[in-house]
């Protein structure tokens, strides 16, 4: 008779997850992903009380004191400093923050990072923590990302690293880098999924009321956020109007007329204010709307494409590949697996 119990995830003993934080660290770079691993361990033990905890999560200071004053003024007290860490480390994640540049000049810390990188299964950074990894030479020859605001500086200072400012996180071999702040939680969920499976990652996301799961290749920017960066009322109003009319043709001439500008002037102002072109803005709005439809309905691709203004499933597929780096059918199947397991 076949057992009804699900097989346990393949993990052998507790894995030590270390967050390395410098003074003036960004508190969410630590607290968010730290909590993801802790909650995953709690939920795992609730389901498998006879097993060992899958994670032992530690905060280590990059300075001499265990306590780390974050850039918002709150103090985090870690269990270790990097000098006192003992035993094997499975995953080492470097948190970002305004103090990371000073930490990157600490030769003892850089030497320790290089040695640690040879022993860990996974190493990564959250937000500007990438500067510390890069300073230790650990991003040489690799693709990496960081917060969009600092991406150009990272690329300029570390020319042996291929910096992509768009994705929320990038994996290159056993090295992971993320965009700003909450992207660290996306990465932590992805790592939990690697270790404990999709069902557990979904349960953690639900417990923490997180969106599961933004793919690593997803952009740091949403179309809505890009428009909100404009001070012009006409540009802000375009978003709501376009969302209500996605099933219609939205060429730049029509958007410009709605904003009360000439097409050429509108395109120039829109690009300057939002950092994106009107055409790309409309495409992202449509992809975001289609993504939600694929998650929340069983509508056929042709209907989703038509309702969201793509015109055809082929056009929908091309836009999904361009924006999300995954075909719409694969996106739906991946999301369905996460929600039904």
C-alpha atoms as a PDB file:
ATOM      1  CA  UNK A   1       0.000   0.000   0.000  1.00  0.00           C
ATOM      2  CA  UNK A   2       1.427   3.362  -1.025  1.00  0.00           C
ATOM      3  CA  UNK A   3       2.185   5.761   1.814  1.00  0.00           C
ATOM      4  CA  UNK A   4       0.157   8.983   1.846  1.00  0.00           C
ATOM      5  CA  UNK A   5       2.984  10.905   3.464  1.00  0.00           C
ATOM      6  CA  UNK A   6       4.964  13.273   1.290  1.00  0.00           C
ATOM      7  CA  UNK A   7       8.701  12.597   1.138  1.00  0.00           C
ATOM      8  CA  UNK A   8      10.855  14.888   3.213  1.00  0.00           C
ATOM      9  CA  UNK A   9      12.999  17.437   1.411  1.00  0.00           C
ATOM     10  CA  UNK A  10      16.539  16.274   0.822  1.00  0.00           C
ATOM     11  CA  UNK A  11      18.432  18.097   3.559  1.00  0.00           C
ATOM     12  CA  UNK A  12      20.941  16.518   5.858  1.00  0.00           C
ATOM     13  CA  UNK A  13      21.120  18.263   9.219  1.00  0.00           C
ATOM     14  CA  UNK A  14      20.750  21.933   9.948  1.00  0.00           C
ATOM     15  CA  UNK A  15      22.128  24.400   7.429  1.00  0.00           C
ATOM     16  CA  UNK A  16      23.741  27.524   8.877  1.00  0.00           C
ATOM     17  CA  UNK A  17      22.558  30.722   7.179  1.00  0.00           C
ATOM     18  CA  UNK A  18      24.712  33.742   8.040  1.00  0.00           C
ATOM     19  CA  UNK A  19      23.742  37.355   7.401  1.00  0.00           C
ATOM     20  CA  UNK A  20      26.789  39.614   7.427  1.00  0.00           C
ATOM     21  CA  UNK A  21      25.899  43.215   8.325  1.00  0.00           C
ATOM     22  CA  UNK A  22      28.021  46.344   8.539  1.00  0.00           C
ATOM     23  CA  UNK A  23      27.279  49.361  10.743  1.00  0.00           C
ATOM     24  CA  UNK A  24      24.555  51.529   9.147  1.00  0.00           C
ATOM     25  CA  UNK A  25      23.088  48.509   7.427  1.00  0.00           C
ATOM     26  CA  UNK A  26      19.621  48.732   5.888  1.00  0.00           C
ATOM     27  CA  UNK A  27      17.422  47.018   8.479  1.00  0.00           C
ATOM     28  CA  UNK A  28      15.060  45.396   5.954  1.00  0.00           C
ATOM     29  CA  UNK A  29      18.027  43.857   4.121  1.00  0.00           C
ATOM     30  CA  UNK A  30      18.568  41.809   7.275  1.00  0.00           C
ATOM     31  CA  UNK A  31      15.198  41.494   8.988  1.00  0.00           C
ATOM     32  CA  UNK A  32      13.120  40.567   5.933  1.00  0.00           C
ATOM     33  CA  UNK A  33      15.064  37.608   4.531  1.00  0.00           C
ATOM     34  CA  UNK A  34      16.187  36.574   8.037  1.00  0.00           C
ATOM     35  CA  UNK A  35      12.531  36.135   8.992  1.00  0.00           C
ATOM     36  CA  UNK A  36      11.844  34.086   5.850  1.00  0.00           C
ATOM     37  CA  UNK A  37      14.409  31.465   6.856  1.00  0.00           C
ATOM     38  CA  UNK A  38      13.313  31.466  10.502  1.00  0.00           C
ATOM     39  CA  UNK A  39       9.641  31.018   9.584  1.00  0.00           C
ATOM     40  CA  UNK A  40      10.529  28.258   7.111  1.00  0.00           C
ATOM     41  CA  UNK A  41      12.315  26.393   9.894  1.00  0.00           C
ATOM     42  CA  UNK A  42       9.338  26.842  12.234  1.00  0.00           C
ATOM     43  CA  UNK A  43       6.843  25.578   9.673  1.00  0.00           C
ATOM     44  CA  UNK A  44       9.080  22.649   8.735  1.00  0.00           C
ATOM     45  CA  UNK A  45       9.322  21.516  12.370  1.00  0.00           C
ATOM     46  CA  UNK A  46       5.573  21.888  12.791  1.00  0.00           C
ATOM     47  CA  UNK A  47       5.083  19.380   9.964  1.00  0.00           C
ATOM     48  CA  UNK A  48       8.069  17.171  10.853  1.00  0.00           C
ATOM     49  CA  UNK A  49       8.505  17.400  14.634  1.00  0.00           C
ATOM     50  CA  UNK A  50      10.857  14.411  14.746  1.00  0.00           C
ATOM     51  CA  UNK A  51      13.316  16.045  12.357  1.00  0.00           C
ATOM     52  CA  UNK A  52      16.115  18.495  12.995  1.00  0.00           C
ATOM     53  CA  UNK A  53      15.536  22.128  12.197  1.00  0.00           C
ATOM     54  CA  UNK A  54      16.542  22.778   8.575  1.00  0.00           C
ATOM     55  CA  UNK A  55      18.072  26.182   9.301  1.00  0.00           C
ATOM     56  CA  UNK A  56      20.213  27.813  11.939  1.00  0.00           C
ATOM     57  CA  UNK A  57      20.106  31.522  11.151  1.00  0.00           C
ATOM     58  CA  UNK A  58      22.768  33.882  12.485  1.00  0.00           C
ATOM     59  CA  UNK A  59      23.561  37.580  12.251  1.00  0.00           C
ATOM     60  CA  UNK A  60      27.260  38.397  12.162  1.00  0.00           C
ATOM     61  CA  UNK A  61      28.699  41.885  12.419  1.00  0.00           C
ATOM     62  CA  UNK A  62      31.427  43.006  10.037  1.00  0.00           C
ATOM     63  CA  UNK A  63      32.888  45.150  12.846  1.00  0.00           C
ATOM     64  CA  UNK A  64      34.409  44.248  16.206  1.00  0.00           C
ATOM     65  CA  UNK A  65      31.166  44.597  18.161  1.00  0.00           C
ATOM     66  CA  UNK A  66      28.331  42.117  17.792  1.00  0.00           C
ATOM     67  CA  UNK A  67      25.729  44.883  17.828  1.00  0.00           C
ATOM     68  CA  UNK A  68      24.998  46.674  14.568  1.00  0.00           C
ATOM     69  CA  UNK A  69      23.332  50.088  14.502  1.00  0.00           C
ATOM     70  CA  UNK A  70      21.150  50.196  11.396  1.00  0.00           C
ATOM     71  CA  UNK A  71      20.720  53.271   9.240  1.00  0.00           C
ATOM     72  CA  UNK A  72      17.274  53.893  10.751  1.00  0.00           C
ATOM     73  CA  UNK A  73      18.736  54.009  14.278  1.00  0.00           C
ATOM     74  CA  UNK A  74      17.545  50.630  15.553  1.00  0.00           C
ATOM     75  CA  UNK A  75      20.230  48.335  16.940  1.00  0.00           C
ATOM     76  CA  UNK A  76      20.529  44.674  15.952  1.00  0.00           C
ATOM     77  CA  UNK A  77      22.512  42.436  18.257  1.00  0.00           C
ATOM     78  CA  UNK A  78      24.007  39.503  16.424  1.00  0.00           C
ATOM     79  CA  UNK A  79      25.295  36.303  17.888  1.00  0.00           C
ATOM     80  CA  UNK A  80      28.723  36.656  16.293  1.00  0.00           C
ATOM     81  CA  UNK A  81      31.183  38.889  14.506  1.00  0.00           C
ATOM     82  CA  UNK A  82      32.839  37.598  11.361  1.00  0.00           C
ATOM     83  CA  UNK A  83      35.971  37.000  13.439  1.00  0.00           C
ATOM     84  CA  UNK A  84      34.211  34.710  15.935  1.00  0.00           C
ATOM     85  CA  UNK A  85      32.195  32.610  13.484  1.00  0.00           C
ATOM     86  CA  UNK A  86      33.019  28.930  13.806  1.00  0.00           C
ATOM     87  CA  UNK A  87      31.845  25.832  12.029  1.00  0.00           C
ATOM     88  CA  UNK A  88      30.560  25.306   8.492  1.00  0.00           C
ATOM     89  CA  UNK A  89      28.446  27.941   6.778  1.00  0.00           C
ATOM     90  CA  UNK A  90      25.958  26.791   4.173  1.00  0.00           C
ATOM     91  CA  UNK A  91      24.744  30.161   2.906  1.00  0.00           C
ATOM     92  CA  UNK A  92      26.406  33.552   3.431  1.00  0.00           C
ATOM     93  CA  UNK A  93      24.420  36.685   2.578  1.00  0.00           C
ATOM     94  CA  UNK A  94      25.839  40.214   2.795  1.00  0.00           C
ATOM     95  CA  UNK A  95      23.305  42.896   3.702  1.00  0.00           C
ATOM     96  CA  UNK A  96      23.510  46.347   2.122  1.00  0.00           C
ATOM     97  CA  UNK A  97      23.363  49.813   3.617  1.00  0.00           C
ATOM     98  CA  UNK A  98      25.262  53.077   3.769  1.00  0.00           C
ATOM     99  CA  UNK A  99      28.119  51.541   5.775  1.00  0.00           C
ATOM    100  CA  UNK A 100      29.001  48.959   3.150  1.00  0.00           C
ATOM    101  CA  UNK A 101      31.558  51.176   1.393  1.00  0.00           C
ATOM    102  CA  UNK A 102      33.576  51.625   4.582  1.00  0.00           C
ATOM    103  CA  UNK A 103      33.397  47.880   5.228  1.00  0.00           C
ATOM    104  CA  UNK A 104      34.702  47.278   1.702  1.00  0.00           C
ATOM    105  CA  UNK A 105      37.975  48.967   2.709  1.00  0.00           C
ATOM    106  CA  UNK A 106      38.566  46.513   5.579  1.00  0.00           C
ATOM    107  CA  UNK A 107      41.280  44.213   4.239  1.00  0.00           C
ATOM    108  CA  UNK A 108      40.802  41.683   7.033  1.00  0.00           C
ATOM    109  CA  UNK A 109      37.114  41.414   6.196  1.00  0.00           C
ATOM    110  CA  UNK A 110      37.822  41.051   2.467  1.00  0.00           C
ATOM    111  CA  UNK A 111      40.355  38.277   3.121  1.00  0.00           C
ATOM    112  CA  UNK A 112      37.837  36.499   5.336  1.00  0.00           C
ATOM    113  CA  UNK A 113      35.165  36.759   2.631  1.00  0.00           C
ATOM    114  CA  UNK A 114      37.461  35.261  -0.002  1.00  0.00           C
ATOM    115  CA  UNK A 115      38.252  32.293   2.229  1.00  0.00           C
ATOM    116  CA  UNK A 116      34.619  31.855   3.268  1.00  0.00           C
ATOM    117  CA  UNK A 117      33.478  31.883  -0.363  1.00  0.00           C
ATOM    118  CA  UNK A 118      35.567  28.776  -1.015  1.00  0.00           C
ATOM    119  CA  UNK A 119      33.762  26.834   1.714  1.00  0.00           C
ATOM    120  CA  UNK A 120      30.108  27.865   1.466  1.00  0.00           C
ATOM    121  CA  UNK A 121      27.479  26.249  -0.742  1.00  0.00           C
ATOM    122  CA  UNK A 122      25.929  29.608  -1.605  1.00  0.00           C
ATOM    123  CA  UNK A 123      27.051  33.206  -1.249  1.00  0.00           C
ATOM    124  CA  UNK A 124      25.128  36.323  -2.050  1.00  0.00           C
ATOM    125  CA  UNK A 125      24.326  39.950  -1.390  1.00  0.00           C
ATOM    126  CA  UNK A 126      21.250  42.034  -0.784  1.00  0.00           C
ATOM    127  CA  UNK A 127      21.057  45.484  -2.323  1.00  0.00           C
ATOM    128  CA  UNK A 128      24.400  47.326  -2.022  1.00  0.00           C
ATOM    129  CA  UNK A 129      25.975  44.336  -0.303  1.00  0.00           C
ATOM    130  CA  UNK A 130      27.137  43.580  -3.852  1.00  0.00           C
ATOM    131  CA  UNK A 131      29.842  46.241  -3.406  1.00  0.00           C
ATOM    132  CA  UNK A 132      31.428  44.184  -0.635  1.00  0.00           C
ATOM    133  CA  UNK A 133      31.376  40.988  -2.703  1.00  0.00           C
ATOM    134  CA  UNK A 134      32.803  42.873  -5.674  1.00  0.00           C
ATOM    135  CA  UNK A 135      35.544  44.441  -3.546  1.00  0.00           C
ATOM    136  CA  UNK A 136      36.607  40.944  -2.535  1.00  0.00           C
ATOM    137  CA  UNK A 137      36.752  39.933  -6.209  1.00  0.00           C
ATOM    138  CA  UNK A 138      33.852  37.526  -5.794  1.00  0.00           C
ATOM    139  CA  UNK A 139      31.824  39.033  -8.642  1.00  0.00           C
ATOM    140  CA  UNK A 140      34.649  39.035 -11.201  1.00  0.00           C
ATOM    141  CA  UNK A 141      33.473  37.421 -14.422  1.00  0.00           C
ATOM    142  CA  UNK A 142      29.904  37.151 -13.146  1.00  0.00           C
ATOM    143  CA  UNK A 143      26.531  38.741 -13.857  1.00  0.00           C
ATOM    144  CA  UNK A 144      25.208  40.707 -10.907  1.00  0.00           C
ATOM    145  CA  UNK A 145      22.593  43.228  -9.912  1.00  0.00           C
ATOM    146  CA  UNK A 146      22.004  45.707  -7.111  1.00  0.00           C
ATOM    147  CA  UNK A 147      19.568  48.487  -6.307  1.00  0.00           C
ATOM    148  CA  UNK A 148      18.920  50.409  -9.530  1.00  0.00           C
ATOM    149  CA  UNK A 149      20.186  53.626  -7.899  1.00  0.00           C
ATOM    150  CA  UNK A 150      23.665  52.137  -7.405  1.00  0.00           C
ATOM    151  CA  UNK A 151      23.933  49.909 -10.463  1.00  0.00           C
ATOM    152  CA  UNK A 152      25.851  52.404 -12.602  1.00  0.00           C
ATOM    153  CA  UNK A 153      28.430  52.963  -9.852  1.00  0.00           C
ATOM    154  CA  UNK A 154      28.863  49.211  -9.356  1.00  0.00           C
ATOM    155  CA  UNK A 155      29.445  48.754 -13.096  1.00  0.00           C
ATOM    156  CA  UNK A 156      31.854  51.691 -13.267  1.00  0.00           C
ATOM    157  CA  UNK A 157      33.963  50.603 -10.293  1.00  0.00           C
ATOM    158  CA  UNK A 158      34.042  46.877 -11.054  1.00  0.00           C
ATOM    159  CA  UNK A 159      34.544  46.502 -14.769  1.00  0.00           C
ATOM    160  CA  UNK A 160      35.060  42.729 -14.580  1.00  0.00           C
ATOM    161  CA  UNK A 161      31.455  42.334 -13.416  1.00  0.00           C
ATOM    162  CA  UNK A 162      28.524  42.443 -15.828  1.00  0.00           C
ATOM    163  CA  UNK A 163      25.957  44.550 -14.001  1.00  0.00           C
ATOM    164  CA  UNK A 164      22.303  44.273 -15.004  1.00  0.00           C
ATOM    165  CA  UNK A 165      20.214  46.934 -13.205  1.00  0.00           C
ATOM    166  CA  UNK A 166      16.832  45.459 -14.140  1.00  0.00           C
ATOM    167  CA  UNK A 167      16.237  42.036 -12.450  1.00  0.00           C
ATOM    168  CA  UNK A 168      15.191  41.721  -8.826  1.00  0.00           C
ATOM    169  CA  UNK A 169      17.853  39.061  -8.335  1.00  0.00           C
ATOM    170  CA  UNK A 170      20.422  37.170 -10.369  1.00  0.00           C
ATOM    171  CA  UNK A 171      21.988  33.771  -9.837  1.00  0.00           C
ATOM    172  CA  UNK A 172      25.362  33.108 -11.421  1.00  0.00           C
ATOM    173  CA  UNK A 173      26.647  29.717 -10.333  1.00  0.00           C
ATOM    174  CA  UNK A 174      26.485  29.655  -6.543  1.00  0.00           C
ATOM    175  CA  UNK A 175      26.535  33.474  -6.328  1.00  0.00           C
ATOM    176  CA  UNK A 176      23.344  35.462  -5.845  1.00  0.00           C
ATOM    177  CA  UNK A 177      22.868  39.228  -5.974  1.00  0.00           C
ATOM    178  CA  UNK A 178      19.643  41.145  -5.468  1.00  0.00           C
ATOM    179  CA  UNK A 179      18.072  44.518  -6.027  1.00  0.00           C
ATOM    180  CA  UNK A 180      17.022  46.737  -3.162  1.00  0.00           C
ATOM    181  CA  UNK A 181      15.395  45.946   0.164  1.00  0.00           C
ATOM    182  CA  UNK A 182      12.393  43.626  -0.358  1.00  0.00           C
ATOM    183  CA  UNK A 183      14.166  41.770  -3.174  1.00  0.00           C
ATOM    184  CA  UNK A 184      16.143  40.083  -0.400  1.00  0.00           C
ATOM    185  CA  UNK A 185      12.902  38.435   0.702  1.00  0.00           C
ATOM    186  CA  UNK A 186      12.260  37.257  -2.863  1.00  0.00           C
ATOM    187  CA  UNK A 187      15.707  35.683  -2.897  1.00  0.00           C
ATOM    188  CA  UNK A 188      15.198  34.076   0.518  1.00  0.00           C
ATOM    189  CA  UNK A 189      11.936  32.518  -0.678  1.00  0.00           C
ATOM    190  CA  UNK A 190      13.702  31.204  -3.771  1.00  0.00           C
ATOM    191  CA  UNK A 191      16.429  29.638  -1.611  1.00  0.00           C
ATOM    192  CA  UNK A 192      13.818  28.065   0.677  1.00  0.00           C
ATOM    193  CA  UNK A 193      12.162  26.668  -2.424  1.00  0.00           C
ATOM    194  CA  UNK A 194      15.494  25.202  -3.537  1.00  0.00           C
ATOM    195  CA  UNK A 195      16.000  23.564  -0.144  1.00  0.00           C
ATOM    196  CA  UNK A 196      12.530  22.623   1.085  1.00  0.00           C
ATOM    197  CA  UNK A 197      10.384  22.660  -2.041  1.00  0.00           C
ATOM    198  CA  UNK A 198       7.702  24.871  -3.532  1.00  0.00           C
ATOM    199  CA  UNK A 199       4.920  23.973  -1.060  1.00  0.00           C
ATOM    200  CA  UNK A 200       7.013  25.117   1.903  1.00  0.00           C
ATOM    201  CA  UNK A 201       8.039  28.341   0.152  1.00  0.00           C
ATOM    202  CA  UNK A 202       4.373  29.041  -0.564  1.00  0.00           C
ATOM    203  CA  UNK A 203       3.413  28.447   3.069  1.00  0.00           C
ATOM    204  CA  UNK A 204       6.113  30.856   4.239  1.00  0.00           C
ATOM    205  CA  UNK A 205       4.919  33.479   1.761  1.00  0.00           C
ATOM    206  CA  UNK A 206       1.338  33.112   2.945  1.00  0.00           C
ATOM    207  CA  UNK A 207       2.356  33.359   6.591  1.00  0.00           C
ATOM    208  CA  UNK A 208       4.293  36.552   5.890  1.00  0.00           C
ATOM    209  CA  UNK A 209       1.682  37.876   3.426  1.00  0.00           C
ATOM    210  CA  UNK A 210       4.199  38.000   0.611  1.00  0.00           C
ATOM    211  CA  UNK A 211       3.705  37.659  -3.116  1.00  0.00           C
ATOM    212  CA  UNK A 212       5.001  34.266  -4.189  1.00  0.00           C
ATOM    213  CA  UNK A 213       6.922  34.310  -6.141  1.00  0.00           C
ATOM    214  CA  UNK A 214       8.527  37.062  -8.180  1.00  0.00           C
ATOM    215  CA  UNK A 215      10.869  35.398 -10.606  1.00  0.00           C
ATOM    216  CA  UNK A 216      14.461  36.558 -10.388  1.00  0.00           C
ATOM    217  CA  UNK A 217      14.335  37.941 -13.907  1.00  0.00           C
ATOM    218  CA  UNK A 218      11.357  40.146 -13.136  1.00  0.00           C
ATOM    219  CA  UNK A 219      12.082  43.843 -13.389  1.00  0.00           C
ATOM    220  CA  UNK A 220      12.790  46.033 -10.352  1.00  0.00           C
ATOM    221  CA  UNK A 221      10.329  48.510 -11.854  1.00  0.00           C
ATOM    222  CA  UNK A 222       6.572  48.278 -12.332  1.00  0.00           C
ATOM    223  CA  UNK A 223       4.814  50.435 -14.875  1.00  0.00           C
ATOM    224  CA  UNK A 224       2.772  52.056 -12.116  1.00  0.00           C
ATOM    225  CA  UNK A 225       5.861  53.044 -10.144  1.00  0.00           C
ATOM    226  CA  UNK A 226       7.530  54.560 -13.188  1.00  0.00           C
ATOM    227  CA  UNK A 227       4.599  56.920 -13.758  1.00  0.00           C
ATOM    228  CA  UNK A 228       4.306  57.837 -10.076  1.00  0.00           C
ATOM    229  CA  UNK A 229       7.799  59.312 -10.280  1.00  0.00           C
ATOM    230  CA  UNK A 230       6.466  62.155 -12.442  1.00  0.00           C
ATOM    231  CA  UNK A 231       5.340  65.448 -10.924  1.00  0.00           C
ATOM    232  CA  UNK A 232       3.070  66.209 -13.875  1.00  0.00           C
ATOM    233  CA  UNK A 233      -0.625  65.579 -13.296  1.00  0.00           C
ATOM    234  CA  UNK A 234      -1.132  64.724 -16.980  1.00  0.00           C
ATOM    235  CA  UNK A 235       1.450  61.923 -16.793  1.00  0.00           C
ATOM    236  CA  UNK A 236       0.021  60.550 -13.542  1.00  0.00           C
ATOM    237  CA  UNK A 237      -3.475  60.458 -15.038  1.00  0.00           C
ATOM    238  CA  UNK A 238      -2.249  58.469 -18.026  1.00  0.00           C
ATOM    239  CA  UNK A 239      -1.716  55.370 -15.857  1.00  0.00           C
ATOM    240  CA  UNK A 240      -5.313  55.114 -14.634  1.00  0.00           C
ATOM    241  CA  UNK A 241      -6.708  55.921 -18.058  1.00  0.00           C
ATOM    242  CA  UNK A 242      -4.474  53.386 -19.807  1.00  0.00           C
ATOM    243  CA  UNK A 243      -5.370  50.671 -17.270  1.00  0.00           C
ATOM    244  CA  UNK A 244      -9.058  51.230 -18.052  1.00  0.00           C
ATOM    245  CA  UNK A 245      -8.411  50.978 -21.784  1.00  0.00           C
ATOM    246  CA  UNK A 246      -5.848  48.186 -22.145  1.00  0.00           C
ATOM    247  CA  UNK A 247      -8.060  46.315 -24.612  1.00  0.00           C
ATOM    248  CA  UNK A 248      -7.791  49.225 -27.041  1.00  0.00           C
ATOM    249  CA  UNK A 249      -4.967  50.446 -29.244  1.00  0.00           C
ATOM    250  CA  UNK A 250      -2.749  52.820 -27.229  1.00  0.00           C
ATOM    251  CA  UNK A 251      -0.264  54.415 -29.630  1.00  0.00           C
ATOM    252  CA  UNK A 252       1.765  57.382 -28.462  1.00  0.00           C
ATOM    253  CA  UNK A 253      -0.514  59.718 -30.466  1.00  0.00           C
ATOM    254  CA  UNK A 254      -3.524  58.682 -28.399  1.00  0.00           C
ATOM    255  CA  UNK A 255      -1.687  58.943 -25.094  1.00  0.00           C
ATOM    256  CA  UNK A 256      -0.374  62.370 -26.092  1.00  0.00           C
ATOM    257  CA  UNK A 257      -3.861  63.580 -26.990  1.00  0.00           C
ATOM    258  CA  UNK A 258      -5.152  62.410 -23.615  1.00  0.00           C
ATOM    259  CA  UNK A 259      -2.333  64.348 -21.918  1.00  0.00           C
ATOM    260  CA  UNK A 260      -3.018  67.430 -24.037  1.00  0.00           C
ATOM    261  CA  UNK A 261       0.413  67.439 -25.697  1.00  0.00           C
ATOM    262  CA  UNK A 262       1.845  66.905 -29.131  1.00  0.00           C
ATOM    263  CA  UNK A 263       3.133  63.328 -29.665  1.00  0.00           C
ATOM    264  CA  UNK A 264       6.751  64.444 -29.930  1.00  0.00           C
ATOM    265  CA  UNK A 265       6.624  66.646 -26.825  1.00  0.00           C
ATOM    266  CA  UNK A 266       4.712  63.980 -24.866  1.00  0.00           C
ATOM    267  CA  UNK A 267       7.228  61.262 -25.732  1.00  0.00           C
ATOM    268  CA  UNK A 268      10.130  63.502 -24.677  1.00  0.00           C
ATOM    269  CA  UNK A 269       8.471  64.543 -21.380  1.00  0.00           C
ATOM    270  CA  UNK A 270       7.340  61.003 -20.591  1.00  0.00           C
ATOM    271  CA  UNK A 271      10.825  59.566 -21.068  1.00  0.00           C
ATOM    272  CA  UNK A 272      12.437  62.330 -19.016  1.00  0.00           C
ATOM    273  CA  UNK A 273       9.944  62.043 -16.133  1.00  0.00           C
ATOM    274  CA  UNK A 274       9.583  58.262 -15.930  1.00  0.00           C
ATOM    275  CA  UNK A 275      12.773  56.827 -17.424  1.00  0.00           C
ATOM    276  CA  UNK A 276      10.826  54.731 -19.916  1.00  0.00           C
ATOM    277  CA  UNK A 277       9.159  55.259 -23.283  1.00  0.00           C
ATOM    278  CA  UNK A 278       5.363  55.375 -23.686  1.00  0.00           C
ATOM    279  CA  UNK A 279       5.464  52.159 -25.737  1.00  0.00           C
ATOM    280  CA  UNK A 280       7.422  50.273 -23.109  1.00  0.00           C
ATOM    281  CA  UNK A 281       5.156  51.653 -20.383  1.00  0.00           C
ATOM    282  CA  UNK A 282       2.066  50.333 -22.163  1.00  0.00           C
ATOM    283  CA  UNK A 283       3.713  46.964 -22.743  1.00  0.00           C
ATOM    284  CA  UNK A 284       4.576  46.625 -19.054  1.00  0.00           C
ATOM    285  CA  UNK A 285       1.055  47.599 -18.017  1.00  0.00           C
ATOM    286  CA  UNK A 286      -0.301  44.908 -20.294  1.00  0.00           C
ATOM    287  CA  UNK A 287       2.151  42.286 -19.079  1.00  0.00           C
ATOM    288  CA  UNK A 288       1.326  43.074 -15.439  1.00  0.00           C
ATOM    289  CA  UNK A 289      -2.405  42.811 -16.170  1.00  0.00           C
ATOM    290  CA  UNK A 290      -1.932  39.561 -18.102  1.00  0.00           C
ATOM    291  CA  UNK A 291       0.234  38.117 -15.341  1.00  0.00           C
ATOM    292  CA  UNK A 292      -2.543  38.677 -12.807  1.00  0.00           C
ATOM    293  CA  UNK A 293      -5.086  37.085 -15.160  1.00  0.00           C
ATOM    294  CA  UNK A 294      -2.888  34.022 -15.592  1.00  0.00           C
ATOM    295  CA  UNK A 295      -2.588  33.702 -11.812  1.00  0.00           C
ATOM    296  CA  UNK A 296      -6.242  34.282 -10.982  1.00  0.00           C
ATOM    297  CA  UNK A 297      -8.208  32.741 -13.863  1.00  0.00           C
ATOM    298  CA  UNK A 298      -8.307  29.766 -16.199  1.00  0.00           C
ATOM    299  CA  UNK A 299      -8.936  31.939 -19.269  1.00  0.00           C
ATOM    300  CA  UNK A 300      -7.266  30.767 -22.448  1.00  0.00           C
ATOM    301  CA  UNK A 301      -4.212  32.663 -23.634  1.00  0.00           C
ATOM    302  CA  UNK A 302      -6.120  34.042 -26.602  1.00  0.00           C
ATOM    303  CA  UNK A 303      -8.706  35.675 -24.316  1.00  0.00           C
ATOM    304  CA  UNK A 304      -6.053  37.027 -21.956  1.00  0.00           C
ATOM    305  CA  UNK A 305      -4.150  38.445 -24.910  1.00  0.00           C
ATOM    306  CA  UNK A 306      -7.278  40.046 -26.349  1.00  0.00           C
ATOM    307  CA  UNK A 307      -8.525  41.519 -23.065  1.00  0.00           C
ATOM    308  CA  UNK A 308      -5.097  42.967 -22.231  1.00  0.00           C
ATOM    309  CA  UNK A 309      -4.601  44.511 -25.645  1.00  0.00           C
ATOM    310  CA  UNK A 310      -1.938  42.233 -27.125  1.00  0.00           C
ATOM    311  CA  UNK A 311      -4.071  41.264 -30.105  1.00  0.00           C
ATOM    312  CA  UNK A 312      -2.744  37.702 -30.305  1.00  0.00           C
ATOM    313  CA  UNK A 313      -1.241  35.011 -28.097  1.00  0.00           C
ATOM    314  CA  UNK A 314       1.971  35.288 -30.122  1.00  0.00           C
ATOM    315  CA  UNK A 315       2.287  38.967 -29.215  1.00  0.00           C
ATOM    316  CA  UNK A 316       1.544  38.096 -25.577  1.00  0.00           C
ATOM    317  CA  UNK A 317       4.292  35.474 -25.631  1.00  0.00           C
ATOM    318  CA  UNK A 318       6.833  37.882 -27.122  1.00  0.00           C
ATOM    319  CA  UNK A 319       6.115  40.508 -24.477  1.00  0.00           C
ATOM    320  CA  UNK A 320       6.300  37.972 -21.633  1.00  0.00           C
ATOM    321  CA  UNK A 321       9.683  36.777 -22.849  1.00  0.00           C
ATOM    322  CA  UNK A 322      10.922  40.356 -23.189  1.00  0.00           C
ATOM    323  CA  UNK A 323       9.667  41.579 -19.784  1.00  0.00           C
ATOM    324  CA  UNK A 324       9.531  38.494 -17.536  1.00  0.00           C
ATOM    325  CA  UNK A 325      11.911  36.191 -19.414  1.00  0.00           C
ATOM    326  CA  UNK A 326       9.395  33.323 -19.275  1.00  0.00           C
ATOM    327  CA  UNK A 327       6.606  32.246 -21.691  1.00  0.00           C
ATOM    328  CA  UNK A 328       3.033  32.840 -20.446  1.00  0.00           C
ATOM    329  CA  UNK A 329       2.146  29.130 -20.383  1.00  0.00           C
ATOM    330  CA  UNK A 330       5.238  28.331 -18.309  1.00  0.00           C
ATOM    331  CA  UNK A 331       4.426  31.231 -15.978  1.00  0.00           C
ATOM    332  CA  UNK A 332       0.899  29.927 -15.414  1.00  0.00           C
ATOM    333  CA  UNK A 333       2.047  26.345 -14.862  1.00  0.00           C
ATOM    334  CA  UNK A 334       4.753  27.438 -12.425  1.00  0.00           C
ATOM    335  CA  UNK A 335       2.302  29.530 -10.437  1.00  0.00           C
ATOM    336  CA  UNK A 336      -0.312  26.750 -10.479  1.00  0.00           C
ATOM    337  CA  UNK A 337       2.206  24.244  -9.109  1.00  0.00           C
ATOM    338  CA  UNK A 338       3.043  26.589  -6.249  1.00  0.00           C
ATOM    339  CA  UNK A 339      -0.580  27.164  -5.287  1.00  0.00           C
ATOM    340  CA  UNK A 340      -1.797  23.558  -5.560  1.00  0.00           C
ATOM    341  CA  UNK A 341       1.094  21.680  -3.923  1.00  0.00           C
END
